[in-house]
Amino acid sequence: MIELKNISVNFGKLQVLDDISFLFKAGEVVGLVAPNGTGKSTMLNVMMNYLKPQTGEVIVNGSKTYKKDSKKNELYQVISMMPDQNDLYGHLSGYDHLKLYQELWQITRLSVEDIVSELEMSHYVKKKVSSYSLGMKQRLCFALQIMSDTSIMLMDEVMNGLDPKNVELISQVIVRKKNEGKTIIIASHLLENLEKYSDRIYFLENGKMNLYLDKEIGYGDKSIYIKIPYLEENVMNKLSETYPIIHLSTNDSLLRLEDKTLLEQATNELIANGIIQFSVGNLSLADAYKLKF
């Protein structure tokens, strides 16, 4: 596991991370959600010891505090970040990359062949990376992360450039790695996919981590929402006298019910006003994102 203690990062007058304390546990996937430029990559870089925070410390597995360069080799046996496509060597094959990672991390538990088979890369893995498509390169980057076999894995936009079949394939591998006890932290804009396999999801906003969902304790926002595809102005005005109404950029409207006992009353009022097409539930991750950002 990995713990952040009072982490703050400023770039000039811009506060990117603001006194964040957080424990990422073994055997879980934590999703980080925010627009570009709001601190997700900064947080991952702090965790990787690539960037020193102005205040705070990072603790790995309960005891390994690190700031100094002398700790790096020890650190990178425990924690790894999925490489970026720009880190790949065009003149080498995917197989060459995997063998290199296997040697660097001194991996004996996993074989190159097993990873290639698991990620369905056998038809191209021995070709030069310069011939790969965007999706093929992304699968290779993910394969390299898996080959490192560290107990803590950081992934920034892991699904970038992948088609639906490969999104599902990689999602399944992520779940398997979680079940092996890995700590997996993923920053992603593919919200519906992230929601499927994450144990906890947080919005990173104004330098703070705000809970969207913890599958053990529920949603950060306990309200019930009624989502209406199109709400005519006269009906909206009538309903707004009783219920807070939120408008989304998609022309949908949300009625927010802080008290669950109001649900029957609210649905009856909608039906009485001729509205029969609506859905009821917690705020979806996509809708929560639209409201926050």
Protein backbone atom coordinates (compact mmCIF):
# COMPACT_ATOMS: atom_id res chain seq x y z
CA MET A 1 0.00 0.00 0.00
CA ILE A 2 1.00 3.62 -0.39
CA GLU A 3 0.16 6.59 1.80
CA LEU A 4 0.24 10.32 1.13
CA LYS A 5 0.72 12.54 4.17
CA ASN A 6 -0.08 16.25 3.90
CA ILE A 7 1.09 16.51 0.28
CA SER A 8 1.04 20.02 -1.20
CA VAL A 9 2.39 21.09 -4.59
CA ASN A 10 2.45 24.63 -5.97
CA PHE A 11 3.58 25.86 -9.35
CA GLY A 12 4.16 29.53 -8.65
CA LYS A 13 0.90 30.87 -7.25
CA LEU A 14 -1.09 27.91 -8.58
CA GLN A 15 -2.01 25.40 -5.86
CA VAL A 16 -2.20 22.02 -7.62
CA LEU A 17 -2.31 19.66 -4.61
CA ASP A 18 -3.54 21.05 -1.30
CA ASP A 19 -2.57 19.17 1.88
CA ILE A 20 -3.68 15.75 0.61
CA SER A 21 -3.56 12.82 3.02
CA PHE A 22 -4.74 9.49 1.65
CA LEU A 23 -4.14 5.75 2.04
CA PHE A 24 -4.24 3.49 -1.03
CA LYS A 25 -4.73 -0.08 0.14
CA ALA A 26 -3.52 -3.42 -1.21
CA GLY A 27 -5.99 -5.29 -3.38
CA GLU A 28 -7.96 -2.30 -4.62
CA VAL A 29 -8.35 -0.09 -7.68
CA VAL A 30 -8.67 3.64 -7.01
CA GLY A 31 -9.85 5.87 -9.85
CA LEU A 32 -8.85 9.53 -10.13
CA VAL A 33 -11.08 11.78 -12.24
CA ALA A 34 -10.54 15.39 -13.31
CA PRO A 35 -9.98 17.43 -16.48
CA ASN A 36 -6.47 17.74 -17.89
CA GLY A 37 -4.26 20.17 -16.04
CA THR A 38 -5.87 19.79 -12.62
CA GLY A 39 -3.27 17.68 -10.82
CA LYS A 40 -3.80 13.98 -11.64
CA SER A 41 -0.43 13.53 -13.33
CA THR A 42 1.22 15.71 -10.69
CA MET A 43 -0.05 13.40 -7.95
CA LEU A 44 1.22 10.32 -9.77
CA ASN A 45 4.62 11.98 -10.31
CA VAL A 46 4.86 12.75 -6.59
CA MET A 47 4.07 9.13 -5.79
CA MET A 48 6.78 7.99 -8.21
CA ASN A 49 9.34 10.35 -6.63
CA TYR A 50 9.66 12.20 -9.95
CA LEU A 51 8.45 15.42 -8.33
CA LYS A 52 9.21 16.63 -4.82
CA PRO A 53 6.23 18.23 -3.03
CA GLN A 54 6.58 21.52 -1.18
CA THR A 55 5.23 19.82 1.94
CA GLY A 56 4.41 16.28 2.99
CA GLU A 57 5.78 12.81 2.45
CA VAL A 58 4.95 9.55 0.69
CA ILE A 59 5.13 6.25 2.58
CA VAL A 60 5.27 2.89 0.84
CA ASN A 61 4.14 -0.34 2.51
CA GLY A 62 3.93 1.30 5.91
CA SER A 63 7.59 2.09 6.42
CA LYS A 64 9.50 3.08 3.30
CA THR A 65 9.49 6.85 3.29
CA TYR A 66 11.29 8.24 0.30
CA LYS A 67 12.61 11.57 -0.86
CA LYS A 68 16.28 10.91 -1.52
CA ASP A 69 17.81 9.59 -4.74
CA SER A 70 19.56 6.84 -2.77
CA LYS A 71 16.16 5.21 -2.16
CA LYS A 72 15.10 5.10 -5.82
CA ASN A 73 16.29 1.59 -6.73
CA GLU A 74 14.59 0.18 -3.66
CA LEU A 75 11.45 2.18 -4.42
CA TYR A 76 11.08 1.08 -8.03
CA GLN A 77 11.05 -2.57 -7.03
CA VAL A 78 7.76 -1.78 -5.28
CA ILE A 79 6.06 0.88 -7.40
CA SER A 80 5.89 1.46 -11.15
CA MET A 81 4.13 3.76 -13.58
CA MET A 82 2.81 2.58 -16.92
CA PRO A 83 5.19 3.95 -19.58
CA ASP A 84 4.01 6.47 -22.14
CA GLN A 85 4.03 5.64 -25.85
CA ASN A 86 6.79 8.24 -26.28
CA ASP A 87 8.99 6.04 -24.06
CA LEU A 88 8.95 3.20 -26.60
CA TYR A 89 11.85 2.54 -29.00
CA GLY A 90 10.70 2.39 -32.61
CA HIS A 91 13.61 0.22 -33.79
CA LEU A 92 12.90 -2.49 -31.19
CA SER A 93 10.08 -5.01 -31.20
CA GLY A 94 7.46 -5.31 -28.50
CA TYR A 95 9.08 -8.62 -27.55
CA ASP A 96 12.44 -6.83 -27.10
CA HIS A 97 10.78 -4.29 -24.79
CA LEU A 98 9.21 -7.01 -22.66
CA LYS A 99 12.50 -8.92 -22.35
CA LEU A 100 14.23 -5.69 -21.33
CA TYR A 101 11.66 -5.02 -18.61
CA GLN A 102 11.89 -8.61 -17.44
CA GLU A 103 15.65 -8.21 -16.99
CA LEU A 104 15.46 -4.75 -15.41
CA TRP A 105 12.95 -5.87 -12.78
CA GLN A 106 14.54 -9.34 -12.48
CA ILE A 107 11.17 -10.99 -13.01
CA THR A 108 11.00 -14.77 -12.76
CA ARG A 109 7.35 -15.23 -11.80
CA LEU A 110 6.01 -14.04 -15.16
CA SER A 111 7.06 -14.99 -18.67
CA VAL A 112 6.99 -12.80 -21.77
CA GLU A 113 4.98 -15.48 -23.56
CA ASP A 114 2.27 -15.55 -20.88
CA ILE A 115 1.79 -11.78 -21.00
CA VAL A 116 1.76 -11.75 -24.81
CA SER A 117 -0.89 -14.46 -24.79
CA GLU A 118 -2.98 -12.78 -22.09
CA LEU A 119 -3.06 -9.50 -24.02
CA GLU A 120 -3.49 -11.15 -27.43
CA MET A 121 -0.33 -9.56 -28.86
CA SER A 122 1.25 -12.60 -30.53
CA HIS A 123 0.43 -11.50 -34.10
CA TYR A 124 2.50 -8.31 -33.84
CA VAL A 125 4.76 -8.45 -30.78
CA LYS A 126 7.89 -9.40 -32.78
CA LYS A 127 7.48 -6.57 -35.27
CA LYS A 128 9.23 -3.21 -34.82
CA VAL A 129 7.29 -0.77 -32.66
CA SER A 130 7.57 1.85 -35.42
CA SER A 131 5.00 -0.22 -37.38
CA TYR A 132 2.46 -0.32 -34.53
CA SER A 133 -0.87 1.47 -34.45
CA LEU A 134 -1.84 3.69 -31.50
CA GLY A 135 -3.81 0.87 -29.91
CA MET A 136 -1.01 -1.67 -30.38
CA LYS A 137 1.47 0.68 -28.70
CA GLN A 138 -0.93 1.24 -25.82
CA ARG A 139 -1.33 -2.50 -25.26
CA LEU A 140 2.47 -2.82 -25.22
CA CYS A 141 2.77 -0.04 -22.63
CA PHE A 142 0.24 -1.85 -20.45
CA ALA A 143 2.08 -5.15 -20.98
CA LEU A 144 5.30 -3.51 -19.76
CA GLN A 145 3.53 -2.32 -16.63
CA ILE A 146 2.31 -5.87 -15.98
CA MET A 147 5.81 -7.26 -16.59
CA SER A 148 7.26 -5.00 -13.89
CA ASP A 149 5.06 -6.97 -11.43
CA THR A 150 5.35 -4.32 -8.73
CA SER A 151 2.92 -4.37 -5.81
CA ILE A 152 1.83 -0.78 -6.58
CA MET A 153 0.90 0.18 -10.15
CA LEU A 154 0.10 3.69 -11.40
CA MET A 155 -1.68 4.16 -14.72
CA ASP A 156 -2.40 7.46 -16.47
CA GLU A 157 -5.05 7.16 -19.24
CA VAL A 158 -4.48 3.42 -19.61
CA MET A 159 -7.31 3.04 -22.16
CA ASN A 160 -6.09 5.78 -24.51
CA GLY A 161 -6.47 4.76 -28.17
CA LEU A 162 -8.00 1.34 -27.48
CA ASP A 163 -11.04 -0.09 -29.23
CA PRO A 164 -13.93 -1.51 -27.11
CA LYS A 165 -12.64 -5.09 -27.35
CA ASN A 166 -9.22 -4.16 -25.98
CA VAL A 167 -10.72 -1.86 -23.34
CA GLU A 168 -12.60 -4.90 -22.05
CA LEU A 169 -9.50 -7.11 -22.31
CA ILE A 170 -7.33 -4.73 -20.30
CA SER A 171 -10.14 -4.15 -17.78
CA GLN A 172 -10.21 -7.90 -17.10
CA VAL A 173 -6.45 -7.97 -16.54
CA ILE A 174 -6.69 -5.01 -14.14
CA VAL A 175 -9.30 -6.88 -12.08
CA ARG A 176 -7.12 -10.01 -12.01
CA LYS A 177 -4.13 -7.98 -10.81
CA LYS A 178 -6.26 -6.37 -8.12
CA ASN A 179 -7.33 -9.84 -6.97
CA GLU A 180 -3.65 -10.77 -6.70
CA GLY A 181 -3.32 -8.01 -4.10
CA LYS A 182 -1.91 -5.21 -6.24
CA THR A 183 -2.59 -1.57 -5.38
CA ILE A 184 -3.73 0.00 -8.66
CA ILE A 185 -4.26 3.75 -9.12
CA ILE A 186 -5.77 4.86 -12.43
CA ALA A 187 -6.33 8.36 -13.80
CA SER A 188 -8.84 8.11 -16.63
CA HIS A 189 -11.39 10.02 -18.69
CA LEU A 190 -13.16 6.81 -19.74
CA LEU A 191 -15.66 7.21 -16.93
CA GLU A 192 -18.13 4.41 -17.56
CA ASN A 193 -15.27 1.93 -17.85
CA LEU A 194 -13.54 3.25 -14.72
CA GLU A 195 -16.75 2.83 -12.74
CA LYS A 196 -16.93 -0.88 -13.62
CA TYR A 197 -13.75 -2.01 -11.87
CA SER A 198 -12.80 0.71 -9.36
CA ASP A 199 -13.33 0.10 -5.66
CA ARG A 200 -13.11 3.82 -4.95
CA ILE A 201 -13.37 6.83 -7.25
CA TYR A 202 -12.35 10.37 -6.36
CA PHE A 203 -12.62 13.70 -8.09
CA LEU A 204 -9.48 15.79 -7.89
CA GLU A 205 -10.75 19.37 -7.68
CA ASN A 206 -9.20 22.52 -6.24
CA GLY A 207 -6.24 20.46 -5.05
CA LYS A 208 -8.39 18.12 -2.94
CA MET A 209 -9.61 14.54 -3.34
CA ASN A 210 -13.40 14.39 -3.07
CA LEU A 211 -15.18 11.05 -2.88
CA TYR A 212 -17.57 10.04 -5.64
CA LEU A 213 -17.94 6.35 -4.75
CA ASP A 214 -16.60 3.86 -2.24
CA LYS A 215 -18.15 0.47 -2.99
CA GLU A 216 -17.91 -0.48 0.70
CA ILE A 217 -19.67 2.58 2.12
CA GLY A 218 -21.55 4.03 -0.85
CA TYR A 219 -21.64 7.32 -2.70
CA GLY A 220 -20.10 10.53 -1.43
CA ASP A 221 -23.29 12.31 -2.47
CA LYS A 222 -26.11 10.48 -0.68
CA SER A 223 -28.88 12.29 -2.54
CA ILE A 224 -31.26 10.52 -4.93
CA TYR A 225 -31.59 12.04 -8.40
CA ILE A 226 -34.42 11.87 -10.90
CA LYS A 227 -33.07 12.37 -14.41
CA ILE A 228 -35.49 13.77 -16.99
CA PRO A 229 -34.51 13.86 -20.70
CA TYR A 230 -36.42 17.04 -21.48
CA LEU A 231 -38.26 19.26 -19.02
CA GLU A 232 -40.62 21.89 -20.35
CA GLU A 233 -40.24 25.33 -18.81
CA ASN A 234 -43.74 25.52 -17.28
CA VAL A 235 -43.32 22.13 -15.58
CA MET A 236 -39.80 23.04 -14.49
CA ASN A 237 -41.02 26.24 -12.85
CA LYS A 238 -43.70 24.33 -10.97
CA LEU A 239 -41.36 21.59 -9.75
CA SER A 240 -38.59 24.02 -8.81
CA GLU A 241 -40.81 25.42 -6.08
CA THR A 242 -40.36 22.11 -4.22
CA TYR A 243 -37.19 20.46 -5.52
CA PRO A 244 -33.72 21.72 -6.49
CA ILE A 245 -33.34 21.32 -10.26
CA ILE A 246 -29.97 21.00 -11.98
CA HIS A 247 -29.54 21.45 -15.72
CA LEU A 248 -26.97 19.42 -17.65
CA SER A 249 -25.29 20.41 -20.91
CA THR A 250 -27.08 17.49 -22.61
CA ASN A 251 -30.50 19.18 -22.11
CA ASP A 252 -31.27 16.68 -19.37
CA SER A 253 -32.47 17.93 -16.00
CA LEU A 254 -31.93 16.47 -12.54
CA LEU A 255 -34.26 16.71 -9.57
CA ARG A 256 -32.23 16.33 -6.40
CA LEU A 257 -33.90 14.61 -3.44
CA GLU A 258 -31.88 14.84 -0.24
CA ASP A 259 -34.58 12.87 1.59
CA LYS A 260 -35.49 9.47 0.11
CA THR A 261 -39.00 9.74 1.52
CA LEU A 262 -39.72 12.41 -1.12
CA LEU A 263 -39.23 9.95 -3.98
CA GLU A 264 -42.82 8.71 -4.21
CA GLN A 265 -44.18 12.25 -3.98
CA ALA A 266 -41.80 13.51 -6.67
CA THR A 267 -42.51 10.70 -9.13
CA ASN A 268 -46.25 11.14 -8.65
CA GLU A 269 -45.90 14.85 -9.46
CA LEU A 270 -43.92 14.07 -12.60
CA ILE A 271 -46.56 11.63 -13.82
CA ALA A 272 -49.34 14.09 -12.98
CA ASN A 273 -47.57 16.62 -15.23
CA GLY A 274 -47.37 14.17 -18.11
CA ILE A 275 -43.73 13.15 -17.59
CA ILE A 276 -43.37 9.39 -17.82
CA GLN A 277 -39.82 9.13 -19.16
CA PHE A 278 -37.31 9.49 -16.33
CA SER A 279 -34.77 7.46 -14.36
CA VAL A 280 -34.08 7.31 -10.64
CA GLY A 281 -30.81 6.63 -8.82
CA ASN A 282 -27.54 8.02 -7.56
CA LEU A 283 -25.70 10.56 -9.66
CA SER A 284 -23.76 8.78 -12.42
CA LEU A 285 -20.04 9.42 -12.67
CA ALA A 286 -20.50 11.07 -16.07
CA ASP A 287 -23.21 13.42 -14.75
CA ALA A 288 -21.21 14.22 -11.62
CA TYR A 289 -18.24 15.10 -13.86
CA LYS A 290 -20.42 17.45 -15.95
CA LEU A 291 -21.64 19.24 -12.82
CA LYS A 292 -18.19 19.65 -11.31
CA PHE A 293 -16.17 20.56 -14.38
